[in-house]
């Protein structure tokens, strides 16, 4: 009879040899690769989470109304403004010129408008307004030195250049 080569029992391989030692499931290099891949995934996830959180904070702060003044800050009324000058103008003049309403808080003041009011006076050369929280406004002014002294109706007046413009008799200093 002829033998069929197709029905031959399969040939044995080295895997069929019984091995008394259980082989390791993974080598050291394989474990290291697995740990490094896990670390990369964790780092990428952490960076993505921090980026999303930071973006959310930026959007939340952009939506917030930063012009709104807290109620506690509005509750502190401002004291009378303090004047620091190198000339003859006094505290009463400052209060009258600034005309700040009573019980106004320091945060409600518009320093540019107040400075414009001060600089409208020709005697003032420079004006600096400084807020000292919670309730002090310090006004520092530098006055112009008088050019002439004029007498009008028996009163002696000292002003910069105004006497000449008004046509007053002037005495040299």
Protein backbone atom coordinates (compact mmCIF):
# COMPACT_ATOMS: atom_id res chain seq x y z
CA UNK A 1 0.00 0.00 0.00
CA UNK A 2 0.98 3.52 -0.57
CA UNK A 3 1.36 5.81 2.29
CA UNK A 4 -0.37 9.11 2.33
CA UNK A 5 2.02 11.84 3.24
CA UNK A 6 -0.88 14.00 4.29
CA UNK A 7 -1.82 11.76 7.20
CA UNK A 8 1.62 11.69 8.75
CA UNK A 9 1.69 12.57 12.38
CA UNK A 10 2.98 16.10 12.80
CA UNK A 11 6.60 16.47 13.41
CA UNK A 12 7.73 17.32 16.83
CA UNK A 13 9.12 20.80 17.64
CA UNK A 14 11.19 22.11 20.51
CA UNK A 15 8.00 23.39 22.13
CA UNK A 16 6.88 19.86 22.68
CA UNK A 17 9.86 19.18 24.90
CA UNK A 18 8.81 19.27 28.57
CA UNK A 19 10.52 22.09 30.45
CA UNK A 20 10.78 21.90 34.22
CA UNK A 21 11.20 25.70 34.72
CA UNK A 22 8.28 28.09 34.20
CA UNK A 23 9.40 30.71 31.68
CA UNK A 24 9.16 34.38 32.66
CA UNK A 25 6.15 36.11 31.25
CA UNK A 26 8.21 39.22 30.33
CA UNK A 27 11.88 40.07 30.17
CA UNK A 28 13.44 43.04 32.03
CA UNK A 29 13.58 45.09 28.83
CA UNK A 30 9.90 44.38 28.20
CA UNK A 31 9.00 45.51 31.71
CA UNK A 32 11.06 48.69 31.27
CA UNK A 33 9.31 49.47 27.99
CA UNK A 34 5.93 48.94 29.64
CA UNK A 35 6.81 51.25 32.56
CA UNK A 36 8.15 53.95 30.21
CA UNK A 37 5.03 53.78 28.05
CA UNK A 38 2.87 54.13 31.16
CA UNK A 39 4.90 57.14 32.32
CA UNK A 40 4.62 58.82 28.90
CA UNK A 41 0.86 58.29 28.88
CA UNK A 42 0.51 59.64 32.43
CA UNK A 43 2.66 62.70 31.62
CA UNK A 44 0.71 63.44 28.43
CA UNK A 45 -2.59 63.09 30.29
CA UNK A 46 -1.33 65.37 33.09
CA UNK A 47 -0.14 68.05 30.65
CA UNK A 48 -3.46 67.94 28.81
CA UNK A 49 -5.41 68.19 32.08
CA UNK A 50 -3.33 71.15 33.32
CA UNK A 51 -3.71 72.90 29.95
CA UNK A 52 -7.48 72.49 29.99
CA UNK A 53 -7.68 73.69 33.60
CA UNK A 54 -5.49 76.74 32.83
CA UNK A 55 -7.63 77.60 29.80
CA UNK A 56 -10.75 77.38 31.92
CA UNK A 57 -9.22 79.76 34.50
CA UNK A 58 -8.30 82.28 31.80
CA UNK A 59 -11.80 82.17 30.33
CA UNK A 60 -13.40 82.50 33.76
CA UNK A 61 -11.28 85.55 34.60
CA UNK A 62 -12.01 87.10 31.19
CA UNK A 63 -15.76 86.80 31.80
CA UNK A 64 -15.46 88.36 35.25
CA UNK A 65 -16.28 92.08 35.53
CA UNK A 66 -13.03 93.60 36.80
CA UNK A 67 -14.55 97.11 36.92
CA UNK A 68 -16.97 96.10 39.66
CA UNK A 69 -15.90 97.53 43.00
CA UNK A 70 -16.34 95.26 46.03
CA UNK A 71 -18.90 96.47 48.55
CA UNK A 72 -16.32 96.49 51.35
CA UNK A 73 -14.14 98.93 49.39
CA UNK A 74 -17.07 101.26 48.75
CA UNK A 75 -17.96 101.27 52.44
CA UNK A 76 -14.82 103.16 53.54
CA UNK A 77 -15.39 106.93 53.14
CA UNK A 78 -12.39 109.02 52.17
CA UNK A 79 -10.77 111.46 54.60
CA UNK A 80 -10.09 115.05 53.60
CA UNK A 81 -7.34 115.21 50.96
CA UNK A 82 -3.84 115.99 52.24
CA UNK A 83 -1.95 118.83 50.54
CA UNK A 84 1.80 118.93 50.06
CA UNK A 85 2.96 122.11 48.35
CA UNK A 86 5.99 124.34 47.93
CA UNK A 87 3.94 127.54 47.74
CA UNK A 88 1.14 129.48 49.40
CA UNK A 89 -1.98 127.49 48.52
CA UNK A 90 -3.69 125.95 51.53
CA UNK A 91 -5.97 123.08 52.50
CA UNK A 92 -9.17 125.14 52.20
CA UNK A 93 -8.28 126.06 48.62
CA UNK A 94 -7.68 122.39 47.80
CA UNK A 95 -11.01 121.23 49.24
CA UNK A 96 -12.85 123.99 47.35
CA UNK A 97 -11.05 123.29 44.05
CA UNK A 98 -11.46 119.51 44.10
CA UNK A 99 -15.09 119.66 45.32
CA UNK A 100 -15.22 115.98 46.26
CA UNK A 101 -18.67 114.97 47.58
CA UNK A 102 -18.90 113.76 51.17
CA UNK A 103 -18.73 110.01 51.84
CA UNK A 104 -17.03 109.30 48.51
CA UNK A 105 -14.76 106.27 48.62
CA UNK A 106 -11.22 106.39 47.33
CA UNK A 107 -11.98 103.87 44.61
CA UNK A 108 -14.69 106.05 43.10
CA UNK A 109 -12.34 108.97 42.40
CA UNK A 110 -11.22 109.80 38.87
CA UNK A 111 -7.70 111.11 39.39
CA UNK A 112 -7.40 112.47 35.85
CA UNK A 113 -10.43 114.72 36.28
CA UNK A 114 -9.21 115.96 39.65
CA UNK A 115 -5.76 116.66 38.22
CA UNK A 116 -7.32 118.62 35.35
CA UNK A 117 -9.23 120.75 37.89
CA UNK A 118 -5.99 121.51 39.73
CA UNK A 119 -4.02 122.34 36.58
CA UNK A 120 -6.75 124.77 35.47
CA UNK A 121 -5.38 127.14 38.12
CA UNK A 122 -2.55 129.11 36.46
CA UNK A 123 -0.51 129.19 39.67
CA UNK A 124 -0.03 125.40 39.60
CA UNK A 125 2.89 124.08 37.55
CA UNK A 126 2.52 120.37 38.30
CA UNK A 127 0.08 118.27 40.28
CA UNK A 128 0.34 114.68 41.46
CA UNK A 129 -2.52 112.80 43.10
CA UNK A 130 -1.77 109.58 44.97
CA UNK A 131 -4.20 107.11 46.52
CA UNK A 132 -3.13 105.61 49.84
CA UNK A 133 -5.59 102.89 50.69
CA UNK A 134 -7.98 102.56 52.39
CA UNK A 135 -8.97 106.23 52.80
CA UNK A 136 -6.27 108.83 52.04
CA UNK A 137 -5.72 111.02 48.97
CA UNK A 138 -2.42 112.88 48.90
CA UNK A 139 -2.13 115.85 46.54
CA UNK A 140 1.36 117.12 45.77
CA UNK A 141 1.58 120.36 43.82
CA UNK A 142 4.43 122.55 42.61
CA UNK A 143 3.46 126.18 42.30
CA UNK A 144 4.86 128.71 39.88
CA UNK A 145 6.84 131.52 41.47
CA UNK A 146 5.29 134.99 41.06
CA UNK A 147 6.63 137.25 38.35
CA UNK A 148 4.99 140.47 39.59
CA UNK A 149 3.14 141.83 42.57
CA UNK A 150 0.16 144.06 41.89
CA UNK A 151 -1.99 146.29 44.08
CA UNK A 152 -5.67 146.48 43.29
CA UNK A 153 -7.98 148.47 45.56
CA UNK A 154 -5.39 148.50 48.32
CA UNK A 155 -4.97 144.72 48.31
CA UNK A 156 -1.66 143.26 47.32
CA UNK A 157 -1.97 140.28 44.96
CA UNK A 158 0.73 137.94 43.84
CA UNK A 159 0.16 136.00 40.66
CA UNK A 160 2.25 134.78 37.80
CA UNK A 161 1.56 136.71 34.63
CA UNK A 162 -2.05 137.76 35.30
CA UNK A 163 -1.33 141.31 36.46
CA UNK A 164 0.09 142.31 33.12
CA UNK A 165 -2.88 140.84 31.24
CA UNK A 166 -5.35 142.73 33.41
CA UNK A 167 -3.63 146.07 32.80
CA UNK A 168 -2.73 146.64 36.44
CA UNK A 169 0.06 148.83 37.64
CA UNK A 170 2.93 146.64 38.60
CA UNK A 171 5.82 147.16 40.96
CA UNK A 172 9.06 145.30 40.35
CA UNK A 173 10.06 142.93 43.14
